[in-house]
Amino acid sequence: MKNILLLEDDLILGETIQEILEDEEYKVTWVKDGNDASNETFEKDFDLYLFDVNVPFINGFELLESLRENEDVTPAIFITALVDIDNLTKGFKVGADDYIRKPFDANELLVRIDSLIKKSFKNYESSIKYNNLLYNIKEEILYKENEQIHLSPSEHQLLVLFLKNIGKVINKDDILFNLHDNDTLGSDATLRVQISKLKKIGLVITNIRAVGYRCEKV
């Protein structure tokens, strides 16, 4: 289930968006101000940010700019009535991936979200093929030769991290941070076991000594 952080201080609109997304089986964390949104980004990993701009304490522009400065590359959409050229320029400058103008159609919102999540995998299809593996992006299900492969939550996180970075070396500390539980970093031993399992499933993973790991292109 994909996790979305929704920042919207309009109670009626926020509730509406939450219902729309949850009906499509997204998991939604809804907050009403920038401070709460910032706290959530430190406590949880999200697949997409959906930010209003004019919200209390920290506005959407300031929040996303801060996240990007801290190397958070989570896809982000601004939902706002501010669509003049100056605000559009500012939004994209601070790191937005897309804009949607209020009022908007529910289907348009869903199409834009689906498109951005696919792009985060550098993919425009609904699934990713790797060797004899098939990963359904929206349903978050991995298949091998048409049979579903069951993974633990941390194994699934690691799989997604590699699929999003095929051909790139991922620093080991970054991997451990992505697999952390609350404030506890994952252990080297656990990581080795998880990587071993993914290799057995079919991922070609190279250990880059003293640096990290790379899921090879096939």
C-alpha atoms as a PDB file:
ATOM      1  CA  MET A   1       0.000   0.000   0.000  1.00  0.00           C
ATOM      2  CA  LYS A   2       1.461   3.346  -1.063  1.00  0.00           C
ATOM      3  CA  ASN A   3       1.829   5.963   1.673  1.00  0.00           C
ATOM      4  CA  ILE A   4       0.835   9.565   0.965  1.00  0.00           C
ATOM      5  CA  LEU A   5       1.374  12.567   3.220  1.00  0.00           C
ATOM      6  CA  LEU A   6      -1.471  15.045   2.755  1.00  0.00           C
ATOM      7  CA  LEU A   7      -0.984  18.612   4.011  1.00  0.00           C
ATOM      8  CA  GLU A   8      -4.306  20.470   3.841  1.00  0.00           C
ATOM      9  CA  ASP A   9      -5.842  22.818   6.421  1.00  0.00           C
ATOM     10  CA  ASP A  10      -9.292  22.960   4.784  1.00  0.00           C
ATOM     11  CA  LEU A  11     -11.184  20.320   6.770  1.00  0.00           C
ATOM     12  CA  ILE A  12     -13.813  19.583   4.138  1.00  0.00           C
ATOM     13  CA  LEU A  13     -11.320  19.361   1.271  1.00  0.00           C
ATOM     14  CA  GLY A  14      -8.864  17.363   3.349  1.00  0.00           C
ATOM     15  CA  GLU A  15     -11.507  14.834   4.317  1.00  0.00           C
ATOM     16  CA  THR A  16     -12.656  14.584   0.704  1.00  0.00           C
ATOM     17  CA  ILE A  17      -9.134  13.968  -0.608  1.00  0.00           C
ATOM     18  CA  GLN A  18      -8.473  11.404   2.097  1.00  0.00           C
ATOM     19  CA  GLU A  19     -11.630   9.488   1.183  1.00  0.00           C
ATOM     20  CA  ILE A  20     -10.800   9.591  -2.535  1.00  0.00           C
ATOM     21  CA  LEU A  21      -7.315   8.221  -1.958  1.00  0.00           C
ATOM     22  CA  GLU A  22      -8.296   5.601   0.593  1.00  0.00           C
ATOM     23  CA  ASP A  23     -10.998   4.341  -1.772  1.00  0.00           C
ATOM     24  CA  GLU A  24      -8.121   3.671  -4.194  1.00  0.00           C
ATOM     25  CA  GLU A  25      -6.266   1.801  -1.419  1.00  0.00           C
ATOM     26  CA  TYR A  26      -3.660   4.450  -0.695  1.00  0.00           C
ATOM     27  CA  LYS A  27      -2.641   4.910   2.936  1.00  0.00           C
ATOM     28  CA  VAL A  28      -3.089   8.585   3.826  1.00  0.00           C
ATOM     29  CA  THR A  29      -1.539  10.530   6.682  1.00  0.00           C
ATOM     30  CA  TRP A  30      -3.463  13.817   6.834  1.00  0.00           C
ATOM     31  CA  VAL A  31      -2.064  16.818   8.704  1.00  0.00           C
ATOM     32  CA  LYS A  32      -3.347  20.392   8.889  1.00  0.00           C
ATOM     33  CA  ASP A  33      -0.194  22.482   9.336  1.00  0.00           C
ATOM     34  CA  GLY A  34       3.398  22.600   8.172  1.00  0.00           C
ATOM     35  CA  ASN A  35       4.916  21.751  11.553  1.00  0.00           C
ATOM     36  CA  ASP A  36       2.994  18.491  11.795  1.00  0.00           C
ATOM     37  CA  ALA A  37       3.863  17.676   8.187  1.00  0.00           C
ATOM     38  CA  SER A  38       7.563  18.245   8.877  1.00  0.00           C
ATOM     39  CA  ASN A  39       7.409  15.974  11.925  1.00  0.00           C
ATOM     40  CA  GLU A  40       5.735  13.221   9.911  1.00  0.00           C
ATOM     41  CA  THR A  41       8.490  13.286   7.278  1.00  0.00           C
ATOM     42  CA  PHE A  42      11.064  12.582   9.986  1.00  0.00           C
ATOM     43  CA  GLU A  43       9.047   9.753  11.524  1.00  0.00           C
ATOM     44  CA  LYS A  44       7.836   7.926   8.404  1.00  0.00           C
ATOM     45  CA  ASP A  45       8.752   7.213   4.804  1.00  0.00           C
ATOM     46  CA  PHE A  46       6.238   8.290   2.170  1.00  0.00           C
ATOM     47  CA  ASP A  47       5.796   7.485  -1.492  1.00  0.00           C
ATOM     48  CA  LEU A  48       4.329  10.898  -2.329  1.00  0.00           C
ATOM     49  CA  TYR A  49       3.693  14.320  -0.807  1.00  0.00           C
ATOM     50  CA  LEU A  50       0.460  16.177  -1.529  1.00  0.00           C
ATOM     51  CA  PHE A  51       0.869  19.709  -0.155  1.00  0.00           C
ATOM     52  CA  ASP A  52      -1.374  22.741  -0.019  1.00  0.00           C
ATOM     53  CA  VAL A  53       0.638  25.973  -0.071  1.00  0.00           C
ATOM     54  CA  ASN A  54      -1.156  28.351   2.297  1.00  0.00           C
ATOM     55  CA  VAL A  55      -1.177  26.403   5.549  1.00  0.00           C
ATOM     56  CA  PRO A  56      -0.315  27.447   9.132  1.00  0.00           C
ATOM     57  CA  PHE A  57       3.218  27.746  10.557  1.00  0.00           C
ATOM     58  CA  ILE A  58       5.327  26.444   7.649  1.00  0.00           C
ATOM     59  CA  ASN A  59       3.786  26.928   4.209  1.00  0.00           C
ATOM     60  CA  GLY A  60       4.014  24.277   1.527  1.00  0.00           C
ATOM     61  CA  PHE A  61       6.771  26.046  -0.411  1.00  0.00           C
ATOM     62  CA  GLU A  62       8.985  26.424   2.662  1.00  0.00           C
ATOM     63  CA  LEU A  63       8.369  22.841   3.755  1.00  0.00           C
ATOM     64  CA  LEU A  64       9.251  21.289   0.410  1.00  0.00           C
ATOM     65  CA  GLU A  65      12.299  23.515   0.007  1.00  0.00           C
ATOM     66  CA  SER A  66      13.537  22.335   3.409  1.00  0.00           C
ATOM     67  CA  LEU A  67      12.941  18.686   2.512  1.00  0.00           C
ATOM     68  CA  ARG A  68      14.806  19.027  -0.785  1.00  0.00           C
ATOM     69  CA  GLU A  69      17.728  20.709   0.990  1.00  0.00           C
ATOM     70  CA  ASN A  70      17.879  17.622   3.197  1.00  0.00           C
ATOM     71  CA  GLU A  71      18.038  15.382   0.097  1.00  0.00           C
ATOM     72  CA  ASP A  72      14.450  14.149   0.346  1.00  0.00           C
ATOM     73  CA  VAL A  73      13.493  13.305  -3.244  1.00  0.00           C
ATOM     74  CA  THR A  74       9.971  12.003  -2.523  1.00  0.00           C
ATOM     75  CA  PRO A  75       7.651  13.004  -5.412  1.00  0.00           C
ATOM     76  CA  ALA A  76       5.577  16.070  -4.501  1.00  0.00           C
ATOM     77  CA  ILE A  77       2.420  17.680  -5.853  1.00  0.00           C
ATOM     78  CA  PHE A  78       1.130  21.096  -4.815  1.00  0.00           C
ATOM     79  CA  ILE A  79      -2.657  21.426  -4.580  1.00  0.00           C
ATOM     80  CA  THR A  80      -3.415  25.132  -4.631  1.00  0.00           C
ATOM     81  CA  ALA A  81      -5.380  27.998  -6.129  1.00  0.00           C
ATOM     82  CA  LEU A  82      -2.075  29.872  -6.603  1.00  0.00           C
ATOM     83  CA  VAL A  83      -1.382  29.113 -10.245  1.00  0.00           C
ATOM     84  CA  ASP A  84      -0.071  32.436 -11.553  1.00  0.00           C
ATOM     85  CA  ILE A  85       3.294  32.226 -13.265  1.00  0.00           C
ATOM     86  CA  ASP A  86       5.243  33.552 -10.271  1.00  0.00           C
ATOM     87  CA  ASN A  87       3.866  30.906  -7.915  1.00  0.00           C
ATOM     88  CA  LEU A  88       4.220  28.157 -10.504  1.00  0.00           C
ATOM     89  CA  THR A  89       7.850  29.139 -10.978  1.00  0.00           C
ATOM     90  CA  LYS A  90       8.466  29.246  -7.225  1.00  0.00           C
ATOM     91  CA  GLY A  91       6.811  25.871  -6.695  1.00  0.00           C
ATOM     92  CA  PHE A  92       8.925  24.108  -9.267  1.00  0.00           C
ATOM     93  CA  LYS A  93      12.051  25.958  -8.095  1.00  0.00           C
ATOM     94  CA  VAL A  94      11.688  24.574  -4.557  1.00  0.00           C
ATOM     95  CA  GLY A  95      11.291  21.052  -5.917  1.00  0.00           C
ATOM     96  CA  ALA A  96       7.673  20.328  -6.887  1.00  0.00           C
ATOM     97  CA  ASP A  97       7.091  17.600  -9.448  1.00  0.00           C
ATOM     98  CA  ASP A  98       3.578  18.690 -10.368  1.00  0.00           C
ATOM     99  CA  TYR A  99       0.762  21.147  -9.637  1.00  0.00           C
ATOM    100  CA  ILE A 100      -2.968  20.618  -9.461  1.00  0.00           C
ATOM    101  CA  ARG A 101      -5.307  23.582  -9.370  1.00  0.00           C
ATOM    102  CA  LYS A 102      -8.231  23.937  -6.982  1.00  0.00           C
ATOM    103  CA  PRO A 103     -10.981  23.023  -7.606  1.00  0.00           C
ATOM    104  CA  PHE A 104      -9.959  19.781  -9.291  1.00  0.00           C
ATOM    105  CA  ASP A 105     -11.542  16.605 -10.564  1.00  0.00           C
ATOM    106  CA  ALA A 106     -10.916  13.473  -8.486  1.00  0.00           C
ATOM    107  CA  ASN A 107      -9.868  11.473 -11.535  1.00  0.00           C
ATOM    108  CA  GLU A 108      -7.322  14.120 -12.501  1.00  0.00           C
ATOM    109  CA  LEU A 109      -5.788  13.910  -9.029  1.00  0.00           C
ATOM    110  CA  LEU A 110      -5.561  10.116  -9.200  1.00  0.00           C
ATOM    111  CA  VAL A 111      -3.998  10.188 -12.674  1.00  0.00           C
ATOM    112  CA  ARG A 112      -1.328  12.656 -11.563  1.00  0.00           C
ATOM    113  CA  ILE A 113      -0.526  10.655  -8.419  1.00  0.00           C
ATOM    114  CA  ASP A 114      -0.309   7.384 -10.327  1.00  0.00           C
ATOM    115  CA  SER A 115       1.963   8.979 -12.925  1.00  0.00           C
ATOM    116  CA  LEU A 116       4.374  10.380 -10.343  1.00  0.00           C
ATOM    117  CA  ILE A 117       4.639   7.134  -8.409  1.00  0.00           C
ATOM    118  CA  LYS A 118       5.512   5.310 -11.638  1.00  0.00           C
ATOM    119  CA  LYS A 119       8.121   7.940 -12.448  1.00  0.00           C
ATOM    120  CA  SER A 120       9.720   7.412  -9.042  1.00  0.00           C
ATOM    121  CA  PHE A 121      10.567   3.930 -10.355  1.00  0.00           C
ATOM    122  CA  LYS A 122      11.829   5.525 -13.607  1.00  0.00           C
ATOM    123  CA  ASN A 123       9.000   3.678 -15.278  1.00  0.00           C
ATOM    124  CA  TYR A 124       5.821   4.626 -17.136  1.00  0.00           C
ATOM    125  CA  GLU A 125       4.103   1.262 -16.912  1.00  0.00           C
ATOM    126  CA  SER A 126       2.086  -0.211 -14.056  1.00  0.00           C
ATOM    127  CA  SER A 127       4.754  -2.830 -13.384  1.00  0.00           C
ATOM    128  CA  ILE A 128       8.516  -3.380 -13.566  1.00  0.00           C
ATOM    129  CA  LYS A 129      10.119  -6.417 -15.180  1.00  0.00           C
ATOM    130  CA  TYR A 130      13.508  -7.593 -13.936  1.00  0.00           C
ATOM    131  CA  ASN A 131      14.876 -10.963 -15.030  1.00  0.00           C
ATOM    132  CA  ASN A 132      11.958 -13.326 -14.435  1.00  0.00           C
ATOM    133  CA  LEU A 133      10.462 -11.036 -11.791  1.00  0.00           C
ATOM    134  CA  LEU A 134       7.458  -8.750 -12.173  1.00  0.00           C
ATOM    135  CA  TYR A 135       6.718  -6.051  -9.594  1.00  0.00           C
ATOM    136  CA  ASN A 136       3.246  -4.456  -9.584  1.00  0.00           C
ATOM    137  CA  ILE A 137       3.876  -0.863  -8.525  1.00  0.00           C
ATOM    138  CA  LYS A 138       0.434   0.092  -7.235  1.00  0.00           C
ATOM    139  CA  GLU A 139      -0.458  -3.209  -5.601  1.00  0.00           C
ATOM    140  CA  GLU A 140       3.095  -3.615  -4.275  1.00  0.00           C
ATOM    141  CA  ILE A 141       3.178  -7.307  -5.173  1.00  0.00           C
ATOM    142  CA  LEU A 142       6.185  -9.209  -6.500  1.00  0.00           C
ATOM    143  CA  TYR A 143       5.731 -12.148  -8.864  1.00  0.00           C
ATOM    144  CA  LYS A 144       8.227 -14.720 -10.083  1.00  0.00           C
ATOM    145  CA  GLU A 145       7.073 -16.749 -13.071  1.00  0.00           C
ATOM    146  CA  ASN A 146       3.444 -15.771 -12.266  1.00  0.00           C
ATOM    147  CA  GLU A 147       3.711 -16.881  -8.630  1.00  0.00           C
ATOM    148  CA  GLN A 148       3.487 -14.291  -5.860  1.00  0.00           C
ATOM    149  CA  ILE A 149       6.634 -13.900  -3.753  1.00  0.00           C
ATOM    150  CA  HIS A 150       5.998 -13.033  -0.118  1.00  0.00           C
ATOM    151  CA  LEU A 151       8.431 -10.620   1.516  1.00  0.00           C
ATOM    152  CA  SER A 152       8.682  -9.161   4.992  1.00  0.00           C
ATOM    153  CA  PRO A 153       8.050  -5.380   5.246  1.00  0.00           C
ATOM    154  CA  SER A 154      11.776  -4.621   5.452  1.00  0.00           C
ATOM    155  CA  GLU A 155      12.585  -6.987   2.572  1.00  0.00           C
ATOM    156  CA  HIS A 156       9.926  -5.231   0.515  1.00  0.00           C
ATOM    157  CA  GLN A 157      11.406  -1.823   1.383  1.00  0.00           C
ATOM    158  CA  LEU A 158      14.809  -3.037   0.262  1.00  0.00           C
ATOM    159  CA  LEU A 159      13.379  -4.455  -2.970  1.00  0.00           C
ATOM    160  CA  VAL A 160      11.710  -1.123  -3.795  1.00  0.00           C
ATOM    161  CA  LEU A 161      14.884   0.806  -2.985  1.00  0.00           C
ATOM    162  CA  PHE A 162      16.890  -1.331  -5.415  1.00  0.00           C
ATOM    163  CA  LEU A 163      14.226  -1.204  -8.146  1.00  0.00           C
ATOM    164  CA  LYS A 164      14.182   2.588  -7.932  1.00  0.00           C
ATOM    165  CA  ASN A 165      17.972   2.718  -8.267  1.00  0.00           C
ATOM    166  CA  ILE A 166      18.875   0.006 -10.770  1.00  0.00           C
ATOM    167  CA  GLY A 167      22.458   0.471 -11.921  1.00  0.00           C
ATOM    168  CA  LYS A 168      23.288   2.945  -9.152  1.00  0.00           C
ATOM    169  CA  VAL A 169      25.470   2.376  -6.113  1.00  0.00           C
ATOM    170  CA  ILE A 170      23.496   2.941  -2.908  1.00  0.00           C
ATOM    171  CA  ASN A 171      25.492   3.881   0.151  1.00  0.00           C
ATOM    172  CA  LYS A 172      25.143   1.261   2.887  1.00  0.00           C
ATOM    173  CA  ASP A 173      24.261   3.880   5.521  1.00  0.00           C
ATOM    174  CA  ASP A 174      21.446   5.140   3.269  1.00  0.00           C
ATOM    175  CA  ILE A 175      20.133   1.601   2.946  1.00  0.00           C
ATOM    176  CA  LEU A 176      20.237   1.047   6.705  1.00  0.00           C
ATOM    177  CA  PHE A 177      18.443   4.345   7.281  1.00  0.00           C
ATOM    178  CA  ASN A 178      15.703   3.394   4.815  1.00  0.00           C
ATOM    179  CA  LEU A 179      15.217   0.121   6.661  1.00  0.00           C
ATOM    180  CA  HIS A 180      15.215   1.658  10.136  1.00  0.00           C
ATOM    181  CA  ASP A 181      12.521   0.934  12.684  1.00  0.00           C
ATOM    182  CA  ASN A 182      11.539   4.164  14.454  1.00  0.00           C
ATOM    183  CA  ASP A 183      14.897   5.582  15.649  1.00  0.00           C
ATOM    184  CA  THR A 184      16.859   2.348  15.409  1.00  0.00           C
ATOM    185  CA  LEU A 185      19.036   1.779  12.360  1.00  0.00           C
ATOM    186  CA  GLY A 186      18.994  -1.624  10.736  1.00  0.00           C
ATOM    187  CA  SER A 187      21.974  -3.886  11.413  1.00  0.00           C
ATOM    188  CA  ASP A 188      24.667  -5.024   8.972  1.00  0.00           C
ATOM    189  CA  ALA A 189      23.891  -8.667   9.707  1.00  0.00           C
ATOM    190  CA  THR A 190      20.188  -8.255   8.983  1.00  0.00           C
ATOM    191  CA  LEU A 191      20.961  -6.369   5.777  1.00  0.00           C
ATOM    192  CA  ARG A 192      23.211  -9.168   4.542  1.00  0.00           C
ATOM    193  CA  VAL A 193      20.484 -11.737   5.178  1.00  0.00           C
ATOM    194  CA  GLN A 194      17.910  -9.624   3.340  1.00  0.00           C
ATOM    195  CA  ILE A 195      20.189  -9.051   0.363  1.00  0.00           C
ATOM    196  CA  SER A 196      20.940 -12.764   0.228  1.00  0.00           C
ATOM    197  CA  LYS A 197      17.209 -13.487   0.002  1.00  0.00           C
ATOM    198  CA  LEU A 198      16.699 -10.943  -2.788  1.00  0.00           C
ATOM    199  CA  LYS A 199      19.601 -12.512  -4.696  1.00  0.00           C
ATOM    200  CA  LYS A 200      18.002 -15.941  -4.397  1.00  0.00           C
ATOM    201  CA  ILE A 201      14.744 -14.511  -5.716  1.00  0.00           C
ATOM    202  CA  GLY A 202      16.475 -13.128  -8.804  1.00  0.00           C
ATOM    203  CA  LEU A 203      18.015  -9.699  -8.154  1.00  0.00           C
ATOM    204  CA  VAL A 204      21.613  -9.297  -9.285  1.00  0.00           C
ATOM    205  CA  ILE A 205      23.200  -7.321  -6.449  1.00  0.00           C
ATOM    206  CA  THR A 206      26.884  -6.407  -6.237  1.00  0.00           C
ATOM    207  CA  ASN A 207      28.658  -5.535  -2.999  1.00  0.00           C
ATOM    208  CA  ILE A 208      30.777  -2.418  -3.568  1.00  0.00           C
ATOM    209  CA  ARG A 209      33.396  -2.825  -0.853  1.00  0.00           C
ATOM    210  CA  ALA A 210      33.417  -0.098   1.817  1.00  0.00           C
ATOM    211  CA  VAL A 211      30.686   1.811  -0.051  1.00  0.00           C
ATOM    212  CA  GLY A 212      27.402  -0.029  -0.464  1.00  0.00           C
ATOM    213  CA  TYR A 213      25.463  -2.137  -2.967  1.00  0.00           C
ATOM    214  CA  ARG A 214      24.297  -1.928  -6.582  1.00  0.00           C
ATOM    215  CA  CYS A 215      21.395  -3.723  -8.236  1.00  0.00           C
ATOM    216  CA  GLU A 216      22.792  -4.455 -11.693  1.00  0.00           C
ATOM    217  CA  LYS A 217      21.002  -3.751 -14.953  1.00  0.00           C
ATOM    218  CA  VAL A 218      19.945  -6.913 -16.784  1.00  0.00           C
END
